C-alpha cells in the first residue's frame, strides 16, 4: 500500500520543490493589507541573489498574486498581501527549494499607523487607562506629548495613538466625544554621532563631532561640559547658500526644515525616502535661476545676443525678397488694369489702388513711389454738363476697377504663397 503524500511539499511544473508547514500560520483576522518579511534561515547567506522568477512562482502557488514584493537592503524580502487571510496562507511557506529555507514574519512597523489627537479632557488621565478604554478601537499604544517649562514637564493635550491597521482612521470615540485624528509626522532620522541625517549612530562610521561647533568631539560627558566655541552647523557648511552660524540641533536650520518636509511627504503620500526626495526636488528645483543671475551671467548674455543677431539677420535677408516680389506683381497688375480701363477723352496720370485697399505692411514701402489718389485733369473748353457726366462715369469705372483689382490681388497672393 502506497504512503500518503507529504503535506509539507508541493511540486509545481517547471519549478523546483516548494515546502511549507500548515502549523506556522499567523492567525490574522484583519481585512486590511498586511506587510510580511521573508528571511533566509539556517545559513549566513541572504535572499539578495534569489531569482525573481522563482520568487514569483513560489508566492503565486502559495497564496496567489500579492500587492507588492521587493528586496530590501538587509537582504530580506518585503511582501504586501491583500488581506490577513492571504498573509496566513503565505506564512506557511518554509522553503523555496531543498537548499533555501525561509521564515515569514509580520513587519514590526509597517502594519501600524500613527495619528495625533488633541483632547483637553485627557490631561489628568494616565496613559494605561486611556489605552485600556481605547483598545476596542484597534489602539495598540498611547503616548502623551509633554513640553518643558521651568524644568517641569507639562501636558499639552496632544496624544500620539498607534493603531493596529495600515489605514489611519479619521476620528476616534473618546467616551461620547468624536475627536478628529491627523497623521503623526515623526522627526527626521538623525545620527547623534556625526549629527547628519538619514542614518543612526549604531550604523555610523564617521568620527564623533561636536554638535555646537562642528569640530571633533572635545566635551566631557561626565560633568556635562558645554561647548563655548562659536556655533557652526555641520550640515550647512557644505552649502554655499546657507548660513552655517548655528548649531546642528537648531530648529531653524534649513537642512532640518528640508528633512522635515521630506518626512512630511513620506507620511502623507505613503512613499519611501527616495521618492519623497524626488518630490521635494520637483517642488524646490535647485536650477531655478533668477532674472538677476541670468543678466549678470556674461556667457548667457553673449550667446543670447548672438542668437538674436543671427535670427534678425535671417529675417532681414528673407523679408525684402518677399516684399519685392509681392510689390512688383501688384504694381504690374495695377498698371495693366489702369491703362486698359482709362477713359479716352481725358489725360490721366498713373492710377493706383485706393489707400483703404492697401495693407499696413505694404503702405510704408509704396507711399514714396505711388500716389494715393486717382487724379483726373479735364480740358478747359469742356462744358459743366459734360464734366459732371464724365465724373459720374469715372466713379462707376473706379468702383468696378477696385473690384477687379481686389480679385486679381487675391489670386496673385495665392499664387505667391
Protein backbone atom coordinates (compact mmCIF):
# COMPACT_ATOMS: atom_id res chain seq x y z
CA UNK A 1 0.00 0.00 0.00
CA UNK A 2 1.34 3.42 -1.00
CA UNK A 3 2.13 6.01 1.66
CA UNK A 4 0.09 9.24 1.74
CA UNK A 5 1.82 12.25 0.19
CA UNK A 6 3.77 14.60 2.40
CA UNK A 7 1.76 17.75 3.10
CA UNK A 8 4.86 19.87 3.59
CA UNK A 9 6.00 19.71 -0.04
CA UNK A 10 4.38 20.62 -3.31
CA UNK A 11 5.61 20.06 -6.86
CA UNK A 12 4.92 22.77 -9.42
CA UNK A 13 5.61 22.06 -13.10
CA UNK A 14 8.86 23.57 -14.38
CA UNK A 15 9.73 24.82 -10.86
CA UNK A 16 11.79 23.35 -8.01
CA UNK A 17 10.18 21.86 -4.92
CA UNK A 18 8.41 24.19 -2.51
CA UNK A 19 7.97 23.37 1.16
CA UNK A 20 5.51 24.67 3.68
CA UNK A 21 4.23 23.93 7.17
CA UNK A 22 0.47 24.39 7.80
CA UNK A 23 1.04 24.84 11.52
CA UNK A 24 3.04 28.06 11.07
CA UNK A 25 0.08 30.27 10.30
CA UNK A 26 -0.23 33.80 11.68
CA UNK A 27 -3.97 33.56 12.53
CA UNK A 28 -4.72 37.09 11.33
CA UNK A 29 -8.34 38.24 11.02
CA UNK A 30 -7.85 41.73 9.57
CA UNK A 31 -9.27 42.74 6.21
CA UNK A 32 -6.62 45.42 5.61
CA UNK A 33 -3.34 44.76 3.74
CA UNK A 34 -0.55 43.14 5.76
CA UNK A 35 3.22 43.61 5.37
CA UNK A 36 5.34 40.48 5.79
CA UNK A 37 9.11 39.94 5.89
CA UNK A 38 10.70 36.88 4.28
CA UNK A 39 14.07 35.91 5.83
CA UNK A 40 16.50 33.12 4.92
CA UNK A 41 17.42 30.81 7.83
CA UNK A 42 19.96 28.08 8.64
CA UNK A 43 22.70 29.89 6.72
CA UNK A 44 24.67 33.11 6.66
CA UNK A 45 23.50 33.93 3.13
CA UNK A 46 20.54 36.18 2.40
CA UNK A 47 17.85 36.34 -0.28
CA UNK A 48 19.67 39.10 -2.13
CA UNK A 49 20.57 36.94 -5.14
CA UNK A 50 17.31 34.98 -5.31
CA UNK A 51 15.74 34.68 -8.75
CA UNK A 52 12.69 36.94 -9.18
CA UNK A 53 11.01 34.27 -11.33
CA UNK A 54 11.40 31.66 -8.61
CA UNK A 55 10.05 34.08 -6.03
CA UNK A 56 7.01 34.96 -8.12
CA UNK A 57 6.14 31.33 -8.82
CA UNK A 58 6.52 30.38 -5.15
CA UNK A 59 4.26 33.20 -3.91
CA UNK A 60 1.62 32.73 -6.62
CA UNK A 61 1.47 28.97 -5.95
CA UNK A 62 1.10 29.51 -2.20
CA UNK A 63 -1.38 32.38 -1.80
CA UNK A 64 -1.96 33.92 -5.22
CA UNK A 65 -0.93 37.32 -6.53
CA UNK A 66 0.14 39.88 -3.90
CA UNK A 67 0.10 43.66 -3.95
CA UNK A 68 3.86 44.18 -3.66
CA UNK A 69 7.07 42.18 -3.42
CA UNK A 70 10.55 43.73 -3.36
CA UNK A 71 14.02 43.21 -1.93
CA UNK A 72 15.29 45.47 0.85
CA UNK A 73 18.82 46.44 1.87
CA UNK A 74 19.06 43.89 4.66
CA UNK A 75 18.78 41.01 2.16
CA UNK A 76 15.20 40.26 3.16
CA UNK A 77 12.08 40.38 1.01
CA UNK A 78 9.18 42.65 1.82
CA UNK A 79 5.75 41.34 0.78
CA UNK A 80 2.45 43.21 0.97
CA UNK A 81 -0.60 40.92 0.93
CA UNK A 82 -4.18 41.90 0.15
CA UNK A 83 -5.65 40.75 3.48
CA UNK A 84 -4.90 38.80 6.63
CA UNK A 85 -6.29 35.62 5.07
CA UNK A 86 -3.73 35.79 2.26
CA UNK A 87 -0.99 36.53 4.80
CA UNK A 88 -1.95 33.39 6.74
CA UNK A 89 -1.52 31.29 3.61
CA UNK A 90 1.83 32.82 2.71
CA UNK A 91 3.21 32.38 6.23
CA UNK A 92 3.02 28.58 5.81
CA UNK A 93 5.76 28.70 3.14
CA UNK A 94 9.03 27.49 4.71
CA UNK A 95 11.24 26.64 1.72
CA UNK A 96 11.77 27.81 -1.84
CA UNK A 97 13.83 24.70 -2.62
CA UNK A 98 15.70 21.97 -0.78
CA UNK A 99 18.61 24.38 -0.14
CA UNK A 100 16.71 27.64 0.52
CA UNK A 101 14.83 27.64 3.82
CA UNK A 102 12.84 30.73 4.79
CA UNK A 103 10.85 32.15 7.66
CA UNK A 104 7.99 34.65 7.21
CA UNK A 105 7.03 37.09 9.97
CA UNK A 106 4.97 40.26 10.34
CA UNK A 107 6.81 43.52 9.71
CA UNK A 108 7.40 45.28 13.04
CA UNK A 109 6.39 48.82 11.96
CA UNK A 110 4.62 48.93 8.58
CA UNK A 111 1.46 47.22 9.81
CA UNK A 112 0.77 50.05 12.23
CA UNK A 113 -0.38 53.63 11.68
CA UNK A 114 0.15 56.59 13.97
CA UNK A 115 -2.02 59.62 14.49
CA UNK A 116 -2.22 62.63 16.78
CA UNK A 117 -5.31 63.81 18.65
CA UNK A 118 -5.94 66.82 20.84
CA UNK A 119 -8.27 66.29 23.75
CA UNK A 120 -8.13 68.62 26.72
CA UNK A 121 -10.27 66.24 28.81
CA UNK A 122 -7.50 63.58 28.84
CA UNK A 123 -4.84 65.73 30.53
CA UNK A 124 -5.06 64.22 34.00
CA UNK A 125 -5.87 60.64 32.95
CA UNK A 126 -2.91 58.18 32.90
CA UNK A 127 -1.83 56.52 29.66
CA UNK A 128 -2.67 52.97 30.82
CA UNK A 129 -6.28 53.90 31.48
CA UNK A 130 -6.59 55.63 28.12
CA UNK A 131 -5.13 52.58 26.36
CA UNK A 132 -7.49 50.24 28.19
CA UNK A 133 -10.53 52.28 27.18
CA UNK A 134 -9.48 52.77 23.53
CA UNK A 135 -8.24 49.19 22.91
CA UNK A 136 -11.54 48.03 21.27
CA UNK A 137 -10.93 50.66 18.54
CA UNK A 138 -7.73 48.90 17.34
CA UNK A 139 -5.50 51.09 19.53
CA UNK A 140 -2.13 49.49 20.23
CA UNK A 141 -0.21 52.25 22.06
CA UNK A 142 -0.86 55.63 23.64
CA UNK A 143 1.80 58.25 24.35
CA UNK A 144 1.32 61.78 25.62
CA UNK A 145 3.32 64.76 24.35
CA UNK A 146 4.84 66.98 27.03
CA UNK A 147 6.53 70.36 26.95
CA UNK A 148 9.27 71.54 29.27
CA UNK A 149 8.75 74.79 31.15
CA UNK A 150 10.84 75.90 34.13
CA UNK A 151 12.40 72.44 34.33
CA UNK A 152 8.97 70.86 34.60
CA UNK A 153 7.10 68.65 32.13
CA UNK A 154 3.62 69.93 31.36
CA UNK A 155 0.92 68.15 29.41
CA UNK A 156 -0.09 69.73 26.12
CA UNK A 157 -3.29 67.78 25.48
CA UNK A 158 -1.70 66.12 22.42
CA UNK A 159 -1.59 62.34 22.36
CA UNK A 160 0.14 60.01 19.86
CA UNK A 161 -2.03 56.96 19.20
CA UNK A 162 -0.76 53.85 17.40
CA UNK A 163 -3.36 51.74 15.58
CA UNK A 164 -3.05 48.10 14.50
CA UNK A 165 -4.30 48.92 10.99
CA UNK A 166 -2.40 50.20 7.97
CA UNK A 167 -5.12 52.76 7.20
CA UNK A 168 -5.35 55.62 9.67
CA UNK A 169 -8.92 56.36 10.81
CA UNK A 170 -10.22 59.89 10.60
CA UNK A 171 -11.96 60.00 14.01
CA UNK A 172 -11.87 58.21 17.35
CA UNK A 173 -14.51 57.99 20.05
CA UNK A 174 -13.34 59.24 23.45
CA UNK A 175 -16.43 58.48 25.50
CA UNK A 176 -19.19 60.46 23.80
CA UNK A 177 -16.66 62.76 22.14
CA UNK A 178 -15.66 62.32 18.50
CA UNK A 179 -12.10 63.54 18.26
CA UNK A 180 -10.52 64.06 14.79
CA UNK A 181 -7.21 62.36 14.01
CA UNK A 182 -4.41 63.83 11.95
CA UNK A 183 -1.31 61.94 10.73
CA UNK A 184 1.67 61.84 13.02
CA UNK A 185 4.83 63.21 11.39
CA UNK A 186 7.90 61.79 13.14
CA UNK A 187 11.08 63.86 13.45
CA UNK A 188 13.79 63.29 10.83
CA UNK A 189 16.24 60.45 11.44
CA UNK A 190 19.45 61.99 12.74
CA UNK A 191 22.72 60.46 13.87
CA UNK A 192 23.88 61.52 17.33
CA UNK A 193 27.48 60.67 16.47
CA UNK A 194 28.13 62.86 13.40
CA UNK A 195 24.83 64.80 13.54
CA UNK A 196 23.93 64.06 9.93
CA UNK A 197 20.63 62.77 8.67
CA UNK A 198 19.20 59.50 7.29
CA UNK A 199 21.16 57.09 9.50
CA UNK A 200 21.56 56.14 13.16
CA UNK A 201 24.57 56.25 15.46
CA UNK A 202 24.91 52.47 15.68
CA UNK A 203 25.47 52.29 11.90
CA UNK A 204 27.62 55.44 11.68
CA UNK A 205 31.24 55.08 10.53
CA UNK A 206 32.19 58.76 10.87
CA UNK A 207 34.12 60.34 13.70
CA UNK A 208 32.22 61.85 16.60
CA UNK A 209 31.59 65.55 16.12
CA UNK A 210 30.54 68.31 18.48
CA UNK A 211 27.01 69.46 17.57
CA UNK A 212 27.75 73.06 18.56
CA UNK A 213 31.00 73.91 16.73
CA UNK A 214 31.22 71.09 14.11
CA UNK A 215 34.74 70.13 15.29
CA UNK A 216 35.86 66.81 16.69
CA UNK A 217 34.16 65.94 19.94
CA UNK A 218 36.01 67.62 22.84
CA UNK A 219 33.49 67.66 25.71
CA UNK A 220 33.40 65.69 28.95
CA UNK A 221 30.07 63.90 29.28
CA UNK A 222 30.53 63.01 32.93
CA UNK A 223 30.44 66.59 34.14
CA UNK A 224 28.08 67.68 31.33
CA UNK A 225 30.52 70.17 29.87
CA UNK A 226 29.11 72.70 27.42
CA UNK A 227 30.86 73.94 24.28
CA UNK A 228 31.89 77.61 24.43
CA UNK A 229 33.21 77.97 20.89
CA UNK A 230 31.44 79.71 18.02
CA UNK A 231 28.39 77.92 16.68
CA UNK A 232 28.72 76.13 13.36
CA UNK A 233 26.39 73.63 11.70
CA UNK A 234 28.00 70.51 10.31
CA UNK A 235 25.22 70.10 7.72
CA UNK A 236 25.12 73.67 6.38
CA UNK A 237 28.89 74.00 5.85
CA UNK A 238 28.66 72.03 2.60
CA UNK A 239 26.17 74.51 1.10
CA UNK A 240 27.18 77.97 -0.04
CA UNK A 241 23.62 79.33 0.07
CA UNK A 242 23.06 78.51 3.76
CA UNK A 243 24.34 80.34 6.80
CA UNK A 244 26.26 77.85 9.00
CA UNK A 245 26.39 80.09 12.08
CA UNK A 246 24.09 77.94 14.20
CA UNK A 247 24.23 74.61 16.00
CA UNK A 248 23.31 71.29 14.42
CA UNK A 249 20.19 70.84 16.55
CA UNK A 250 18.77 74.30 15.83
CA UNK A 251 15.15 74.07 14.65
CA UNK A 252 15.67 76.99 12.26
CA UNK A 253 18.41 75.13 10.38
CA UNK A 254 17.49 74.98 6.65
CA UNK A 255 18.65 71.36 6.37
CA UNK A 256 16.43 70.42 9.31
CA UNK A 257 13.47 72.17 7.64
CA UNK A 258 14.22 70.34 4.40
CA UNK A 259 14.38 66.92 6.10
CA UNK A 260 11.21 67.72 8.00
CA UNK A 261 9.36 68.45 4.74
CA UNK A 262 10.67 65.21 3.22
CA UNK A 263 9.36 63.37 6.27
CA UNK A 264 6.01 65.08 5.76
CA UNK A 265 5.89 63.89 2.14
CA UNK A 266 6.71 60.34 3.25
CA UNK A 267 3.90 60.17 5.79
CA UNK A 268 1.18 61.97 3.84
CA UNK A 269 1.91 60.40 0.44
CA UNK A 270 2.87 56.97 1.88
CA UNK A 271 6.07 56.70 -0.20
CA UNK A 272 9.64 55.68 0.54
CA UNK A 273 12.54 58.03 1.20
CA UNK A 274 13.83 58.03 -2.38
CA UNK A 275 10.55 59.03 -3.99
CA UNK A 276 9.96 61.61 -1.26
CA UNK A 277 13.28 63.27 -2.14
CA UNK A 278 12.37 63.37 -5.83
CA UNK A 279 9.05 65.01 -4.98
CA UNK A 280 10.90 67.55 -2.84
CA UNK A 281 13.31 68.35 -5.69
CA UNK A 282 10.37 68.91 -8.02
CA UNK A 283 8.85 71.33 -5.53
CA UNK A 284 12.15 73.12 -4.89
CA UNK A 285 14.26 72.93 -8.07
CA UNK A 286 17.88 73.87 -7.45
CA UNK A 287 18.47 75.14 -11.01
CA UNK A 288 15.77 77.81 -10.77
CA UNK A 289 17.77 80.88 -11.83
CA UNK A 290 16.51 84.41 -11.23
CA UNK A 291 16.49 87.34 -13.63
CA UNK A 292 19.50 88.96 -11.94
CA UNK A 293 21.62 85.84 -12.30
CA UNK A 294 20.80 85.47 -15.98
CA UNK A 295 21.59 89.13 -16.69
CA UNK A 296 24.83 89.08 -14.73
CA UNK A 297 25.99 85.87 -16.41
CA UNK A 298 28.25 87.00 -19.32
CA UNK A 299 28.15 83.66 -21.10
CA UNK A 300 24.36 83.68 -21.18
CA UNK A 301 24.14 87.26 -22.46
CA UNK A 302 26.69 86.76 -25.24
CA UNK A 303 25.05 83.60 -26.51
CA UNK A 304 21.62 85.23 -26.25
CA UNK A 305 22.65 88.33 -28.19
CA UNK A 306 24.48 86.29 -30.81
CA UNK A 307 21.41 84.16 -31.38
CA UNK A 308 19.24 87.26 -31.65
CA UNK A 309 21.55 88.90 -34.20
CA UNK A 310 21.63 85.79 -36.37
CA UNK A 311 17.85 85.49 -36.26
CA UNK A 312 17.42 89.17 -37.09
CA UNK A 313 19.86 88.95 -39.99
CA UNK A 314 17.97 85.97 -41.39
CA UNK A 315 14.66 87.78 -41.18
CA UNK A 316 16.10 90.94 -42.77
CA UNK A 317 17.55 88.88 -45.61
CA UNK A 318 14.34 86.96 -46.23
CA UNK A 319 11.75 89.73 -45.93
CA UNK A 320 12.97 92.13 -48.71
CA UNK A 321 12.91 89.37 -51.32
CA UNK A 322 9.33 88.54 -50.49
CA UNK A 323 8.30 92.22 -50.34
CA UNK A 324 9.91 92.97 -53.68
CA UNK A 325 8.13 90.06 -55.33
CA UNK A 326 4.74 91.00 -53.99
CA UNK A 327 5.08 94.72 -54.71
CA UNK A 328 6.33 94.13 -58.25
CA UNK A 329 3.44 91.78 -59.02
CA UNK A 330 0.91 94.17 -57.55
CA UNK A 331 2.39 97.11 -59.46
CA UNK A 332 2.25 95.27 -62.79
CA UNK A 333 -1.36 94.20 -62.25
CA UNK A 334 -2.45 97.69 -61.24
CA UNK A 335 -0.63 99.29 -64.18
CA UNK A 336 -2.20 96.95 -66.72
CA UNK A 337 -5.67 97.40 -65.31
CA UNK A 338 -5.47 101.18 -65.13
CA UNK A 339 -4.08 101.59 -68.64
CA UNK A 340 -6.69 99.31 -70.17
CA UNK A 341 -9.67 100.91 -68.38
CA UNK A 342 -8.71 104.61 -68.51
CA UNK A 343 -11.24 106.95 -70.22
CA UNK A 344 -10.31 108.25 -73.70
CA UNK A 345 -11.29 111.91 -73.56
CA UNK A 346 -9.15 112.70 -70.57
CA UNK A 347 -5.45 112.78 -69.82
CA UNK A 348 -4.53 110.79 -66.77
CA UNK A 349 -1.56 110.02 -64.67
CA UNK A 350 -0.74 106.52 -63.41
CA UNK A 351 -3.64 105.20 -61.31
CA UNK A 352 -3.10 103.01 -58.31
CA UNK A 353 -5.30 101.28 -55.78
CA UNK A 354 -7.08 103.25 -53.07
CA UNK A 355 -5.44 103.75 -49.71
CA UNK A 356 -8.03 101.65 -47.90
CA UNK A 357 -7.19 98.65 -50.11
CA UNK A 358 -3.53 98.75 -49.20
CA UNK A 359 -2.21 96.63 -46.35
CA UNK A 360 -0.25 98.07 -43.48
CA UNK A 361 2.91 96.18 -44.37
CA UNK A 362 2.96 97.49 -47.96
CA UNK A 363 1.95 101.06 -47.22
CA UNK A 364 5.36 102.04 -45.89
CA UNK A 365 7.22 100.67 -48.89
CA UNK A 366 4.88 102.01 -51.61
CA UNK A 367 3.95 105.50 -50.40
CA UNK A 368 7.11 107.09 -51.71
CA UNK A 369 6.73 105.79 -55.30
CA UNK A 370 2.96 105.63 -55.94
CA UNK A 371 0.37 108.38 -55.33
CA UNK A 372 -2.54 107.53 -53.07
CA UNK A 373 -5.42 109.07 -55.14
CA UNK A 374 -6.63 108.86 -58.76
CA UNK A 375 -6.34 112.37 -60.30
CA UNK A 376 -8.29 113.32 -63.41
CA UNK A 377 -7.49 116.52 -65.43
CA UNK A 378 -10.21 117.78 -67.75
CA UNK A 379 -9.66 120.35 -70.59
CA UNK A 380 -10.83 123.95 -70.12
CA UNK A 381 -13.18 124.03 -73.13
CA UNK A 382 -15.47 121.28 -71.82
CA UNK A 383 -18.88 122.22 -70.52
CA UNK A 384 -20.09 121.77 -66.96
CA UNK A 385 -22.75 119.27 -68.01
CA UNK A 386 -20.27 117.07 -69.81
CA UNK A 387 -17.84 117.39 -66.93
CA UNK A 388 -20.50 116.06 -64.47
CA UNK A 389 -21.27 113.18 -66.78
CA UNK A 390 -17.62 112.28 -67.11
CA UNK A 391 -17.18 112.43 -63.34
CA UNK A 392 -20.14 110.05 -62.82
CA UNK A 393 -18.83 107.62 -65.40
CA UNK A 394 -15.38 107.87 -63.85
CA UNK A 395 -16.68 107.00 -60.36
CA UNK A 396 -18.56 103.98 -61.71
CA UNK A 397 -15.50 102.78 -63.56
CA UNK A 398 -13.29 103.22 -60.49
CA UNK A 399 -15.70 101.14 -58.43
CA UNK A 400 -15.61 98.33 -60.97
CA UNK A 401 -11.85 98.73 -61.25
CA UNK A 402 -11.40 98.36 -57.47
CA UNK A 403 -13.40 95.13 -57.52
CA UNK A 404 -11.30 93.77 -60.35
CA UNK A 405 -8.11 94.81 -58.56
CA UNK A 406 -9.12 93.09 -55.33
CA UNK A 407 -9.90 89.83 -57.12
CA UNK A 408 -6.65 89.99 -59.08
CA UNK A 409 -4.61 90.72 -55.98
CA UNK A 410 -6.19 87.79 -54.10
CA UNK A 411 -5.39 85.38 -56.92
CA UNK A 412 -1.85 86.74 -57.21
CA UNK A 413 -1.26 86.40 -53.47
CA UNK A 414 -2.50 82.82 -53.55
CA UNK A 415 -0.07 82.05 -56.37
CA UNK A 416 2.79 83.61 -54.44
CA UNK A 417 2.01 81.69 -51.24
